[in-house]
Amino acid sequence: MRKLVMGVALCCLLSVPAVSGAAQDAAQGNPLSAWLHGNFQHGKNFIARAAEAMPEELYGMRPGPQMEVRTFGQIVGHLAIFNYLYCSDAKGEKNPAQGKDFEKLATKAELVKALSDSFNYCDGVYAGVTDASLTQTISATTDNGDKVPALRGSRLIANISHNQEHYGNIVTYMRIKSMVPPSSMRP
């Protein structure tokens, strides 16, 4: 398992263009953990900008009237829940948002704050890992709340993947309302 995670991470690292300047200096001692942190930051930026751009009256929107899928606001709340879950596992501490159902928050301001707070929590976790600590075995929380052994890096990779998966949903919701998602905006 450890070889697989490290192999996948190495392939991802090699597929990303080299960074320059101060970022390259910081990454030299821990290139994999620096890459993970940068990847998290990149996705976080798109999600946060999309959450800010979506008008409050569309936070209750679903892509179709009869669809049994999350509203835009519920996706934002869902991301906050899982940022805390994955990052607290990786940090090896109790989830600071345990028991909070951010999907049930009522306003855009509450949802954006919950999302921002979860991103800030994760920032500290990504900034604190090293390449060596990514391969340490930690206790990960399953969907039903059980604890199982996992690699610290696998929780951070799962967090990035989960955020990107739901950013894809966010893009669809924005496009339905003729909005340009942050990842498609011209500089």
N, C-alpha and C. Protein backbone atom coordinates (compact mmCIF):
# COMPACT_ATOMS: atom_id res chain seq x y z
N MET A 1 0.84 -1.19 0.00
CA MET A 1 0.00 0.00 0.00
C MET A 1 0.88 1.25 0.00
N ARG A 2 1.90 1.25 0.86
CA ARG A 2 2.77 2.41 0.97
C ARG A 2 3.47 2.67 -0.37
N LYS A 3 3.94 1.60 -1.03
CA LYS A 3 4.61 1.74 -2.32
C LYS A 3 3.65 2.29 -3.37
N LEU A 4 2.40 1.82 -3.33
CA LEU A 4 1.41 2.28 -4.28
C LEU A 4 1.14 3.77 -4.12
N VAL A 5 0.91 4.22 -2.89
CA VAL A 5 0.64 5.64 -2.63
C VAL A 5 1.83 6.49 -3.05
N MET A 6 3.01 6.05 -2.69
CA MET A 6 4.20 6.83 -3.04
C MET A 6 4.43 6.83 -4.55
N GLY A 7 4.13 5.70 -5.22
CA GLY A 7 4.27 5.63 -6.67
C GLY A 7 3.31 6.57 -7.38
N VAL A 8 2.06 6.56 -6.94
CA VAL A 8 1.06 7.47 -7.52
C VAL A 8 1.45 8.92 -7.27
N ALA A 9 1.87 9.19 -6.05
CA ALA A 9 2.27 10.56 -5.71
C ALA A 9 3.47 11.00 -6.54
N LEU A 10 4.43 10.11 -6.74
CA LEU A 10 5.61 10.45 -7.54
C LEU A 10 5.21 10.73 -8.99
N CYS A 11 4.32 9.91 -9.54
CA CYS A 11 3.85 10.15 -10.91
C CYS A 11 3.17 11.51 -11.02
N CYS A 12 2.35 11.83 -10.03
CA CYS A 12 1.67 13.13 -10.04
C CYS A 12 2.68 14.26 -9.93
N LEU A 13 3.67 14.07 -9.08
CA LEU A 13 4.69 15.10 -8.89
C LEU A 13 5.47 15.33 -10.17
N LEU A 14 5.81 14.26 -10.87
CA LEU A 14 6.57 14.39 -12.10
C LEU A 14 5.76 14.98 -13.24
N SER A 15 4.43 14.92 -13.14
CA SER A 15 3.58 15.46 -14.20
C SER A 15 3.28 16.94 -14.04
N VAL A 16 3.72 17.53 -12.94
CA VAL A 16 3.46 18.94 -12.67
C VAL A 16 4.69 19.75 -13.06
N PRO A 17 4.53 20.86 -13.76
CA PRO A 17 5.68 21.67 -14.12
C PRO A 17 6.44 22.13 -12.88
N ALA A 18 7.72 22.32 -13.06
CA ALA A 18 8.57 22.74 -11.95
C ALA A 18 8.14 24.11 -11.43
N VAL A 19 8.25 24.29 -10.13
CA VAL A 19 7.95 25.59 -9.53
C VAL A 19 9.21 26.42 -9.52
N SER A 20 9.06 27.72 -9.34
CA SER A 20 10.23 28.58 -9.38
C SER A 20 10.37 29.40 -8.12
N GLY A 21 11.53 30.00 -7.97
CA GLY A 21 11.78 30.96 -6.90
C GLY A 21 11.65 30.38 -5.51
N ALA A 22 10.97 31.13 -4.63
CA ALA A 22 10.84 30.75 -3.21
C ALA A 22 10.10 29.43 -3.04
N ALA A 23 9.10 29.18 -3.89
CA ALA A 23 8.36 27.92 -3.78
C ALA A 23 9.26 26.74 -4.05
N GLN A 24 10.18 26.88 -5.02
CA GLN A 24 11.10 25.79 -5.33
C GLN A 24 12.06 25.57 -4.17
N ASP A 25 12.55 26.64 -3.57
CA ASP A 25 13.45 26.51 -2.42
C ASP A 25 12.76 25.78 -1.27
N ALA A 26 11.50 26.10 -1.02
CA ALA A 26 10.75 25.47 0.07
C ALA A 26 10.49 24.00 -0.22
N ALA A 27 10.33 23.67 -1.49
CA ALA A 27 9.98 22.30 -1.87
C ALA A 27 11.18 21.38 -1.94
N GLN A 28 12.39 21.91 -1.99
CA GLN A 28 13.56 21.06 -2.22
C GLN A 28 13.72 19.98 -1.16
N GLY A 29 13.47 20.29 0.09
CA GLY A 29 13.62 19.30 1.14
C GLY A 29 12.44 18.36 1.25
N ASN A 30 11.28 18.80 0.83
CA ASN A 30 10.05 18.01 0.93
C ASN A 30 9.18 18.24 -0.31
N PRO A 31 9.65 17.79 -1.47
CA PRO A 31 8.92 18.12 -2.70
C PRO A 31 7.51 17.54 -2.76
N LEU A 32 7.30 16.34 -2.24
CA LEU A 32 5.97 15.74 -2.32
C LEU A 32 4.97 16.47 -1.43
N SER A 33 5.36 16.75 -0.18
CA SER A 33 4.43 17.46 0.71
C SER A 33 4.20 18.89 0.23
N ALA A 34 5.22 19.52 -0.36
CA ALA A 34 5.04 20.86 -0.91
C ALA A 34 4.08 20.82 -2.10
N TRP A 35 4.20 19.78 -2.92
CA TRP A 35 3.30 19.64 -4.06
C TRP A 35 1.87 19.44 -3.57
N LEU A 36 1.67 18.58 -2.57
CA LEU A 36 0.33 18.35 -2.03
C LEU A 36 -0.27 19.66 -1.51
N HIS A 37 0.53 20.42 -0.76
CA HIS A 37 0.03 21.68 -0.22
C HIS A 37 -0.35 22.63 -1.35
N GLY A 38 0.48 22.72 -2.37
CA GLY A 38 0.17 23.58 -3.51
C GLY A 38 -1.08 23.15 -4.24
N ASN A 39 -1.25 21.84 -4.39
CA ASN A 39 -2.43 21.31 -5.06
C ASN A 39 -3.68 21.62 -4.25
N PHE A 40 -3.59 21.45 -2.93
CA PHE A 40 -4.71 21.80 -2.05
C PHE A 40 -5.06 23.28 -2.20
N GLN A 41 -4.05 24.14 -2.18
CA GLN A 41 -4.26 25.59 -2.30
C GLN A 41 -4.96 25.94 -3.61
N HIS A 42 -4.52 25.31 -4.68
CA HIS A 42 -5.09 25.57 -6.01
C HIS A 42 -6.59 25.26 -6.03
N GLY A 43 -6.96 24.07 -5.57
CA GLY A 43 -8.37 23.69 -5.54
C GLY A 43 -9.18 24.53 -4.56
N LYS A 44 -8.59 24.79 -3.41
CA LYS A 44 -9.25 25.61 -2.39
C LYS A 44 -9.62 26.98 -2.95
N ASN A 45 -8.71 27.56 -3.71
CA ASN A 45 -8.94 28.88 -4.29
C ASN A 45 -10.15 28.87 -5.22
N PHE A 46 -10.24 27.86 -6.10
CA PHE A 46 -11.38 27.78 -7.01
C PHE A 46 -12.69 27.59 -6.25
N ILE A 47 -12.70 26.70 -5.26
CA ILE A 47 -13.93 26.43 -4.52
C ILE A 47 -14.38 27.66 -3.73
N ALA A 48 -13.43 28.31 -3.05
CA ALA A 48 -13.77 29.50 -2.26
C ALA A 48 -14.30 30.62 -3.15
N ARG A 49 -13.68 30.83 -4.30
CA ARG A 49 -14.14 31.88 -5.21
C ARG A 49 -15.54 31.56 -5.76
N ALA A 50 -15.78 30.29 -6.05
CA ALA A 50 -17.10 29.89 -6.55
C ALA A 50 -18.17 30.10 -5.48
N ALA A 51 -17.85 29.75 -4.24
CA ALA A 51 -18.81 29.92 -3.13
C ALA A 51 -19.14 31.40 -2.93
N GLU A 52 -18.15 32.25 -3.08
CA GLU A 52 -18.37 33.70 -2.96
C GLU A 52 -19.18 34.24 -4.14
N ALA A 53 -18.91 33.72 -5.33
CA ALA A 53 -19.56 34.25 -6.54
C ALA A 53 -21.03 33.86 -6.66
N MET A 54 -21.38 32.70 -6.13
CA MET A 54 -22.78 32.24 -6.28
C MET A 54 -23.69 33.13 -5.44
N PRO A 55 -24.71 33.71 -6.05
CA PRO A 55 -25.65 34.55 -5.29
C PRO A 55 -26.38 33.73 -4.22
N GLU A 56 -26.69 34.37 -3.12
CA GLU A 56 -27.36 33.67 -2.01
C GLU A 56 -28.65 32.98 -2.44
N GLU A 57 -29.42 33.63 -3.32
CA GLU A 57 -30.69 33.03 -3.72
C GLU A 57 -30.51 31.73 -4.50
N LEU A 58 -29.28 31.43 -4.97
CA LEU A 58 -29.03 30.19 -5.70
C LEU A 58 -28.39 29.11 -4.83
N TYR A 59 -28.18 29.38 -3.57
CA TYR A 59 -27.59 28.37 -2.68
C TYR A 59 -28.54 27.19 -2.47
N GLY A 60 -29.83 27.36 -2.71
CA GLY A 60 -30.80 26.28 -2.59
C GLY A 60 -31.06 25.56 -3.91
N MET A 61 -30.33 25.93 -4.95
CA MET A 61 -30.54 25.37 -6.27
C MET A 61 -30.04 23.93 -6.39
N ARG A 62 -30.82 23.12 -7.11
CA ARG A 62 -30.42 21.78 -7.54
C ARG A 62 -30.38 21.81 -9.07
N PRO A 63 -29.63 20.91 -9.70
CA PRO A 63 -29.55 20.96 -11.17
C PRO A 63 -30.85 20.62 -11.88
N GLY A 64 -31.80 20.01 -11.20
CA GLY A 64 -33.09 19.70 -11.80
C GLY A 64 -34.14 19.64 -10.70
N PRO A 65 -35.38 19.94 -11.00
CA PRO A 65 -36.41 20.02 -9.95
C PRO A 65 -36.68 18.71 -9.23
N GLN A 66 -36.56 17.59 -9.90
CA GLN A 66 -36.88 16.30 -9.28
C GLN A 66 -35.63 15.52 -8.85
N MET A 67 -34.49 16.14 -8.91
CA MET A 67 -33.25 15.42 -8.64
C MET A 67 -32.99 15.28 -7.14
N GLU A 68 -32.57 14.11 -6.75
CA GLU A 68 -32.23 13.83 -5.36
C GLU A 68 -30.73 14.04 -5.15
N VAL A 69 -30.28 15.24 -5.39
CA VAL A 69 -28.87 15.59 -5.20
C VAL A 69 -28.78 16.80 -4.29
N ARG A 70 -27.59 17.06 -3.80
CA ARG A 70 -27.39 18.20 -2.91
C ARG A 70 -27.64 19.52 -3.63
N THR A 71 -28.10 20.49 -2.85
CA THR A 71 -28.18 21.85 -3.36
C THR A 71 -26.76 22.40 -3.42
N PHE A 72 -26.59 23.55 -4.06
CA PHE A 72 -25.28 24.19 -4.10
C PHE A 72 -24.78 24.42 -2.67
N GLY A 73 -25.63 24.95 -1.81
CA GLY A 73 -25.24 25.21 -0.43
C GLY A 73 -24.87 23.93 0.33
N GLN A 74 -25.59 22.86 0.07
CA GLN A 74 -25.27 21.60 0.73
C GLN A 74 -23.90 21.07 0.28
N ILE A 75 -23.54 21.30 -0.98
CA ILE A 75 -22.20 20.90 -1.44
C ILE A 75 -21.14 21.68 -0.67
N VAL A 76 -21.35 22.98 -0.50
CA VAL A 76 -20.40 23.80 0.26
C VAL A 76 -20.28 23.27 1.69
N GLY A 77 -21.40 22.99 2.33
CA GLY A 77 -21.38 22.44 3.68
C GLY A 77 -20.72 21.07 3.74
N HIS A 78 -21.00 20.24 2.75
CA HIS A 78 -20.41 18.90 2.67
C HIS A 78 -18.88 18.99 2.57
N LEU A 79 -18.40 19.91 1.77
CA LEU A 79 -16.95 20.08 1.65
C LEU A 79 -16.33 20.49 2.99
N ALA A 80 -17.00 21.37 3.71
CA ALA A 80 -16.48 21.77 5.03
C ALA A 80 -16.40 20.57 5.97
N ILE A 81 -17.44 19.75 5.99
CA ILE A 81 -17.45 18.56 6.85
C ILE A 81 -16.26 17.66 6.54
N PHE A 82 -16.06 17.37 5.26
CA PHE A 82 -15.01 16.42 4.90
C PHE A 82 -13.62 17.01 4.94
N ASN A 83 -13.47 18.34 4.78
CA ASN A 83 -12.15 18.94 5.01
C ASN A 83 -11.72 18.68 6.45
N TYR A 84 -12.62 18.92 7.38
CA TYR A 84 -12.29 18.67 8.79
C TYR A 84 -12.00 17.19 9.04
N LEU A 85 -12.80 16.31 8.46
CA LEU A 85 -12.61 14.87 8.69
C LEU A 85 -11.25 14.41 8.19
N TYR A 86 -10.96 14.65 6.90
CA TYR A 86 -9.70 14.18 6.33
C TYR A 86 -8.49 14.82 7.02
N CYS A 87 -8.57 16.11 7.25
CA CYS A 87 -7.41 16.81 7.82
C CYS A 87 -7.19 16.49 9.29
N SER A 88 -8.24 16.27 10.07
CA SER A 88 -8.05 15.88 11.47
C SER A 88 -7.46 14.47 11.54
N ASP A 89 -7.89 13.58 10.65
CA ASP A 89 -7.26 12.26 10.58
C ASP A 89 -5.77 12.40 10.29
N ALA A 90 -5.43 13.19 9.27
CA ALA A 90 -4.03 13.36 8.89
C ALA A 90 -3.22 14.00 10.00
N LYS A 91 -3.85 14.88 10.75
CA LYS A 91 -3.15 15.55 11.86
C LYS A 91 -3.06 14.65 13.09
N GLY A 92 -3.90 13.63 13.14
CA GLY A 92 -3.88 12.71 14.26
C GLY A 92 -4.56 13.26 15.50
N GLU A 93 -5.60 14.06 15.27
CA GLU A 93 -6.33 14.62 16.41
C GLU A 93 -7.82 14.45 16.21
N LYS A 94 -8.56 14.67 17.28
CA LYS A 94 -10.02 14.59 17.23
C LYS A 94 -10.53 15.67 16.27
N ASN A 95 -11.53 15.31 15.50
CA ASN A 95 -12.14 16.23 14.55
C ASN A 95 -12.74 17.42 15.30
N PRO A 96 -12.26 18.65 15.06
CA PRO A 96 -12.80 19.80 15.79
C PRO A 96 -14.23 20.15 15.40
N ALA A 97 -14.72 19.58 14.31
CA ALA A 97 -16.09 19.86 13.87
C ALA A 97 -16.98 18.61 14.01
N GLN A 98 -16.53 17.65 14.80
CA GLN A 98 -17.28 16.40 14.98
C GLN A 98 -18.72 16.71 15.39
N GLY A 99 -19.67 16.11 14.68
CA GLY A 99 -21.08 16.29 15.02
C GLY A 99 -21.74 17.51 14.40
N LYS A 100 -20.98 18.37 13.75
CA LYS A 100 -21.56 19.55 13.12
C LYS A 100 -21.99 19.19 11.69
N ASP A 101 -23.23 19.46 11.36
CA ASP A 101 -23.73 19.19 10.02
C ASP A 101 -23.83 20.50 9.25
N PHE A 102 -22.73 20.88 8.64
CA PHE A 102 -22.68 22.15 7.91
C PHE A 102 -23.62 22.17 6.71
N GLU A 103 -24.05 21.00 6.24
CA GLU A 103 -25.00 20.96 5.12
C GLU A 103 -26.34 21.57 5.51
N LYS A 104 -26.63 21.67 6.79
CA LYS A 104 -27.91 22.20 7.25
C LYS A 104 -27.86 23.70 7.56
N LEU A 105 -26.73 24.35 7.35
CA LEU A 105 -26.66 25.79 7.59
C LEU A 105 -27.59 26.50 6.61
N ALA A 106 -28.14 27.62 7.05
CA ALA A 106 -29.22 28.26 6.31
C ALA A 106 -28.80 29.38 5.37
N THR A 107 -27.68 30.04 5.63
CA THR A 107 -27.35 31.21 4.81
C THR A 107 -26.01 31.04 4.11
N LYS A 108 -25.86 31.81 3.05
CA LYS A 108 -24.59 31.81 2.33
C LYS A 108 -23.46 32.22 3.26
N ALA A 109 -23.66 33.23 4.08
CA ALA A 109 -22.61 33.71 4.99
C ALA A 109 -22.15 32.60 5.93
N GLU A 110 -23.09 31.84 6.47
CA GLU A 110 -22.74 30.74 7.38
C GLU A 110 -21.97 29.64 6.65
N LEU A 111 -22.41 29.33 5.45
CA LEU A 111 -21.76 28.28 4.67
C LEU A 111 -20.36 28.69 4.22
N VAL A 112 -20.22 29.92 3.75
CA VAL A 112 -18.90 30.40 3.32
C VAL A 112 -17.95 30.44 4.50
N LYS A 113 -18.42 30.84 5.67
CA LYS A 113 -17.58 30.86 6.87
C LYS A 113 -17.15 29.44 7.26
N ALA A 114 -18.08 28.50 7.26
CA ALA A 114 -17.75 27.12 7.60
C ALA A 114 -16.71 26.56 6.62
N LEU A 115 -16.89 26.84 5.34
CA LEU A 115 -15.94 26.39 4.33
C LEU A 115 -14.57 27.02 4.55
N SER A 116 -14.55 28.33 4.76
CA SER A 116 -13.30 29.05 4.99
C SER A 116 -12.57 28.53 6.23
N ASP A 117 -13.32 28.33 7.30
CA ASP A 117 -12.71 27.81 8.54
C ASP A 117 -12.12 26.42 8.31
N SER A 118 -12.82 25.58 7.54
CA SER A 118 -12.30 24.24 7.28
C SER A 118 -11.04 24.30 6.42
N PHE A 119 -11.02 25.21 5.46
CA PHE A 119 -9.82 25.38 4.64
C PHE A 119 -8.65 25.87 5.50
N ASN A 120 -8.91 26.81 6.39
CA ASN A 120 -7.85 27.31 7.27
C ASN A 120 -7.30 26.19 8.16
N TYR A 121 -8.19 25.35 8.67
CA TYR A 121 -7.76 24.22 9.49
C TYR A 121 -6.84 23.31 8.66
N CYS A 122 -7.26 22.98 7.45
CA CYS A 122 -6.47 22.10 6.59
C CYS A 122 -5.14 22.73 6.18
N ASP A 123 -5.12 24.05 5.97
CA ASP A 123 -3.87 24.73 5.62
C ASP A 123 -2.77 24.39 6.62
N GLY A 124 -3.11 24.44 7.90
CA GLY A 124 -2.13 24.13 8.94
C GLY A 124 -1.66 22.70 8.88
N VAL A 125 -2.54 21.79 8.51
CA VAL A 125 -2.17 20.38 8.41
C VAL A 125 -1.23 20.17 7.23
N TYR A 126 -1.58 20.69 6.07
CA TYR A 126 -0.72 20.54 4.89
C TYR A 126 0.64 21.20 5.11
N ALA A 127 0.64 22.35 5.76
CA ALA A 127 1.91 23.06 6.01
C ALA A 127 2.79 22.30 6.99
N GLY A 128 2.19 21.46 7.83
CA GLY A 128 2.96 20.78 8.87
C GLY A 128 3.49 19.41 8.50
N VAL A 129 3.13 18.89 7.34
CA VAL A 129 3.62 17.56 6.98
C VAL A 129 4.94 17.64 6.22
N THR A 130 5.68 16.56 6.32
CA THR A 130 6.92 16.41 5.56
C THR A 130 6.78 15.18 4.67
N ASP A 131 7.69 15.02 3.74
CA ASP A 131 7.63 13.83 2.90
C ASP A 131 7.71 12.57 3.75
N ALA A 132 8.54 12.59 4.78
CA ALA A 132 8.67 11.41 5.65
C ALA A 132 7.38 11.15 6.43
N SER A 133 6.73 12.20 6.90
CA SER A 133 5.52 11.98 7.71
C SER A 133 4.33 11.52 6.87
N LEU A 134 4.38 11.74 5.55
CA LEU A 134 3.29 11.29 4.68
C LEU A 134 3.16 9.77 4.67
N THR A 135 4.25 9.07 4.94
CA THR A 135 4.23 7.60 4.89
C THR A 135 3.97 6.97 6.26
N GLN A 136 3.72 7.79 7.27
CA GLN A 136 3.42 7.25 8.60
C GLN A 136 1.99 6.72 8.64
N THR A 137 1.80 5.65 9.38
CA THR A 137 0.47 5.07 9.55
C THR A 137 -0.28 5.84 10.62
N ILE A 138 -1.50 6.20 10.28
CA ILE A 138 -2.38 6.94 11.20
C ILE A 138 -3.71 6.20 11.28
N SER A 139 -4.60 6.70 12.10
CA SER A 139 -5.94 6.13 12.24
C SER A 139 -6.91 6.97 11.41
N ALA A 140 -7.53 6.35 10.41
CA ALA A 140 -8.46 7.05 9.52
C ALA A 140 -9.90 6.69 9.86
N THR A 141 -10.78 7.64 9.69
CA THR A 141 -12.21 7.45 9.98
C THR A 141 -12.93 6.99 8.73
N THR A 142 -13.66 5.88 8.84
CA THR A 142 -14.45 5.37 7.72
C THR A 142 -15.80 6.08 7.66
N ASP A 143 -16.56 5.80 6.62
CA ASP A 143 -17.88 6.42 6.46
C ASP A 143 -18.82 6.11 7.63
N ASN A 144 -18.65 4.95 8.25
CA ASN A 144 -19.54 4.61 9.38
C ASN A 144 -18.93 4.96 10.73
N GLY A 145 -17.80 5.68 10.72
CA GLY A 145 -17.19 6.15 11.96
C GLY A 145 -16.15 5.24 12.57
N ASP A 146 -15.94 4.07 11.98
CA ASP A 146 -14.90 3.18 12.48
C ASP A 146 -13.52 3.77 12.18
N LYS A 147 -12.53 3.29 12.91
CA LYS A 147 -11.16 3.72 12.68
C LYS A 147 -10.38 2.57 12.05
N VAL A 148 -9.63 2.87 11.01
CA VAL A 148 -8.80 1.89 10.32
C VAL A 148 -7.42 2.49 10.07
N PRO A 149 -6.39 1.66 9.96
CA PRO A 149 -5.07 2.20 9.66
C PRO A 149 -4.99 2.71 8.22
N ALA A 150 -4.26 3.78 8.03
CA ALA A 150 -4.05 4.36 6.70
C ALA A 150 -2.76 5.17 6.73
N LEU A 151 -2.26 5.50 5.58
CA LEU A 151 -1.10 6.39 5.51
C LEU A 151 -1.57 7.84 5.62
N ARG A 152 -0.81 8.65 6.34
CA ARG A 152 -1.17 10.07 6.50
C ARG A 152 -1.36 10.70 5.12
N GLY A 153 -0.45 10.43 4.21
CA GLY A 153 -0.55 11.02 2.87
C GLY A 153 -1.81 10.63 2.14
N SER A 154 -2.31 9.41 2.39
CA SER A 154 -3.53 8.97 1.70
C SER A 154 -4.73 9.81 2.11
N ARG A 155 -4.76 10.30 3.33
CA ARG A 155 -5.88 11.14 3.78
C ARG A 155 -5.82 12.51 3.10
N LEU A 156 -4.62 13.03 2.93
CA LEU A 156 -4.48 14.34 2.28
C LEU A 156 -4.78 14.24 0.79
N ILE A 157 -4.35 13.14 0.17
CA ILE A 157 -4.68 12.92 -1.24
C ILE A 157 -6.19 12.75 -1.40
N ALA A 158 -6.81 12.00 -0.49
CA ALA A 158 -8.27 11.83 -0.54
C ALA A 158 -8.98 13.17 -0.38
N ASN A 159 -8.45 14.04 0.48
CA ASN A 159 -9.05 15.37 0.67
C ASN A 159 -9.00 16.18 -0.62
N ILE A 160 -7.86 16.21 -1.26
CA ILE A 160 -7.73 16.95 -2.52
C ILE A 160 -8.67 16.37 -3.57
N SER A 161 -8.68 15.05 -3.68
CA SER A 161 -9.53 14.39 -4.66
C SER A 161 -11.01 14.68 -4.41
N HIS A 162 -11.42 14.62 -3.16
CA HIS A 162 -12.81 14.89 -2.79
C HIS A 162 -13.19 16.33 -3.12
N ASN A 163 -12.31 17.26 -2.80
CA ASN A 163 -12.58 18.67 -3.12
C ASN A 163 -12.72 18.87 -4.63
N GLN A 164 -11.84 18.24 -5.40
CA GLN A 164 -11.90 18.40 -6.86
C GLN A 164 -13.15 17.75 -7.44
N GLU A 165 -13.53 16.59 -6.90
CA GLU A 165 -14.75 15.92 -7.36
C GLU A 165 -15.95 16.86 -7.22
N HIS A 166 -16.07 17.49 -6.06
CA HIS A 166 -17.21 18.36 -5.83
C HIS A 166 -17.06 19.73 -6.49
N TYR A 167 -15.83 20.14 -6.78
CA TYR A 167 -15.68 21.36 -7.58
C TYR A 167 -16.30 21.12 -8.96
N GLY A 168 -16.18 19.91 -9.46
CA GLY A 168 -16.83 19.57 -10.73
C GLY A 168 -18.34 19.75 -10.65
N ASN A 169 -18.95 19.38 -9.51
CA ASN A 169 -20.37 19.62 -9.32
C ASN A 169 -20.66 21.12 -9.31
N ILE A 170 -19.84 21.85 -8.59
CA ILE A 170 -20.01 23.31 -8.48
C ILE A 170 -19.96 23.96 -9.86
N VAL A 171 -19.01 23.52 -10.69
CA VAL A 171 -18.90 24.06 -12.04
C VAL A 171 -20.21 23.84 -12.81
N THR A 172 -20.77 22.65 -12.69
CA THR A 172 -22.02 22.34 -13.38
C THR A 172 -23.14 23.27 -12.91
N TYR A 173 -23.26 23.46 -11.61
CA TYR A 173 -24.30 24.34 -11.07
C TYR A 173 -24.11 25.76 -11.59
N MET A 174 -22.87 26.22 -11.62
CA MET A 174 -22.61 27.58 -12.10
C MET A 174 -22.95 27.70 -13.58
N ARG A 175 -22.57 26.71 -14.38
CA ARG A 175 -22.84 26.75 -15.82
C ARG A 175 -24.35 26.73 -16.10
N ILE A 176 -25.10 25.99 -15.31
CA ILE A 176 -26.56 25.96 -15.48
C ILE A 176 -27.14 27.37 -15.36
N LYS A 177 -26.51 28.19 -14.51
CA LYS A 177 -26.97 29.57 -14.31
C LYS A 177 -26.17 30.58 -15.14
N SER A 178 -25.50 30.07 -16.18
CA SER A 178 -24.72 30.91 -17.11
C SER A 178 -23.63 31.71 -16.41
N MET A 179 -23.06 31.13 -15.36
CA MET A 179 -21.96 31.76 -14.65
C MET A 179 -20.66 31.09 -15.08
N VAL A 180 -19.60 31.87 -15.15
CA VAL A 180 -18.29 31.33 -15.51
C VAL A 180 -17.60 30.90 -14.21
N PRO A 181 -17.23 29.61 -14.11
CA PRO A 181 -16.55 29.15 -12.90
C PRO A 181 -15.14 29.72 -12.81
N PRO A 182 -14.60 29.86 -11.60
CA PRO A 182 -13.28 30.46 -11.44
C PRO A 182 -12.18 29.81 -12.27
N SER A 183 -12.24 28.51 -12.44
CA SER A 183 -11.20 27.81 -13.20
C SER A 183 -11.24 28.15 -14.70
N SER A 184 -12.32 28.74 -15.18
CA SER A 184 -12.44 29.11 -16.59
C SER A 184 -12.30 30.60 -16.83
N MET A 185 -12.12 31.37 -15.78
CA MET A 185 -11.99 32.82 -15.94
C MET A 185 -10.62 33.18 -16.51
N ARG A 186 -10.63 34.13 -17.40
CA ARG A 186 -9.39 34.63 -17.96
C ARG A 186 -8.70 35.54 -16.95
N PRO A 187 -7.36 35.49 -16.91
CA PRO A 187 -6.65 36.38 -15.95
C PRO A 187 -6.81 37.84 -16.31
